[in-house]
Amino acid sequence: METIILCTIFGVFILISFILGLVFGFKLRSNEKITMPNLNPIKTVKNHKKEKEFQKNKELEEEILKINLENIENYNGTEYGQKEFPE
């Protein structure tokens, strides 16, 4: 009975190792960065908040750039036609 359980456990381990090897091999071939999954939920939440804040800042910078380019296009020597920047 023990041998059957051990054979099953090792078989599953071998299949998981093979699948991970394939996944990492394809990532190496396409020059993607290999990252191990983060099993710590606190770090996962912090990373998600950082990514969300980074995305928000990126969108704000893009909006400011868009307004700045529109202001350059609309400039005629006066302040009329100029847009204000979001805060």
Protein backbone atom coordinates (compact mmCIF):
# COMPACT_ATOMS: atom_id res chain seq x y z
CA MET A 1 0.00 0.00 0.00
CA GLU A 2 2.83 2.40 0.84
CA THR A 3 4.55 1.76 -2.47
CA ILE A 4 1.42 2.65 -4.42
CA ILE A 5 1.05 5.94 -2.55
CA LEU A 6 4.75 6.75 -2.99
CA CYS A 7 4.64 5.93 -6.69
CA THR A 8 1.59 8.18 -7.11
CA ILE A 9 3.20 11.06 -5.21
CA PHE A 10 6.45 10.80 -7.16
CA GLY A 11 4.55 10.53 -10.43
CA VAL A 12 2.68 13.73 -9.71
CA PHE A 13 5.92 15.43 -8.67
CA ILE A 14 7.59 14.37 -11.92
CA LEU A 15 4.66 15.68 -14.01
CA ILE A 16 4.68 19.03 -12.18
CA SER A 17 8.44 19.34 -12.68
CA PHE A 18 8.09 18.54 -16.38
CA ILE A 19 5.33 21.12 -16.88
CA LEU A 20 7.28 23.81 -15.01
CA GLY A 21 10.33 22.99 -17.11
CA LEU A 22 8.32 23.46 -20.29
CA VAL A 23 6.85 26.76 -19.14
CA PHE A 24 10.22 28.16 -18.04
CA GLY A 25 11.89 26.85 -21.19
CA PHE A 26 9.40 28.70 -23.40
CA LYS A 27 9.87 31.87 -21.34
CA LEU A 28 13.65 31.63 -21.71
CA ARG A 29 13.31 31.07 -25.42
CA SER A 30 11.17 34.19 -25.86
CA ASN A 31 13.42 36.24 -23.51
CA GLU A 32 10.69 36.81 -20.92
CA LYS A 33 11.58 37.36 -17.28
CA ILE A 34 11.04 34.31 -15.11
CA THR A 35 9.40 35.07 -11.78
CA MET A 36 8.40 32.63 -9.10
CA PRO A 37 4.86 33.04 -7.79
CA ASN A 38 4.56 35.07 -4.61
CA LEU A 39 2.71 33.03 -2.00
CA ASN A 40 2.74 35.74 0.65
CA PRO A 41 -0.69 37.48 0.51
CA ILE A 42 0.55 40.63 2.26
CA LYS A 43 3.27 41.22 -0.33
CA THR A 44 0.81 40.44 -3.11
CA VAL A 45 -1.60 43.11 -1.87
CA LYS A 46 1.23 45.66 -1.44
CA ASN A 47 2.51 44.95 -4.95
CA HIS A 48 -1.00 45.32 -6.35
CA LYS A 49 -1.42 48.68 -4.59
CA LYS A 50 1.95 49.87 -5.93
CA GLU A 51 1.03 48.81 -9.46
CA LYS A 52 -2.34 50.55 -9.18
CA GLU A 53 -0.71 53.76 -7.91
CA PHE A 54 1.92 53.58 -10.67
CA GLN A 55 -0.81 53.17 -13.30
CA LYS A 56 -2.72 56.14 -11.85
CA ASN A 57 0.41 58.33 -11.96
CA LYS A 58 1.14 57.20 -15.50
CA GLU A 59 -2.37 58.14 -16.64
CA LEU A 60 -2.04 61.56 -14.96
CA GLU A 61 1.29 62.19 -16.69
CA GLU A 62 -0.22 61.20 -20.04
CA GLU A 63 -3.13 63.60 -19.46
CA ILE A 64 -0.72 66.43 -18.59
CA LEU A 65 1.34 65.71 -21.70
CA LYS A 66 -1.80 65.71 -23.84
CA ILE A 67 -2.94 69.06 -22.41
CA ASN A 68 0.56 70.49 -22.82
CA LEU A 69 0.67 69.48 -26.49
CA GLU A 70 -2.81 70.96 -27.06
CA ASN A 71 -1.69 74.20 -25.41
CA ILE A 72 1.32 74.35 -27.72
CA GLU A 73 -0.92 73.82 -30.75
CA ASN A 74 -3.45 76.47 -29.61
CA TYR A 75 -0.91 79.14 -28.62
CA ASN A 76 -1.39 82.43 -30.44
CA GLY A 77 0.51 84.80 -28.17
CA THR A 78 -2.27 85.20 -25.62
CA GLU A 79 -3.62 83.05 -22.82
CA TYR A 80 -6.93 82.47 -24.60
CA GLY A 81 -7.48 78.89 -25.74
CA GLN A 82 -5.09 77.50 -23.14
CA LYS A 83 -6.24 74.66 -20.87
CA GLU A 84 -5.47 74.26 -17.18
CA PHE A 85 -3.57 71.26 -15.86
CA PRO A 86 -5.32 68.78 -13.54
CA GLU A 87 -4.10 68.66 -9.97
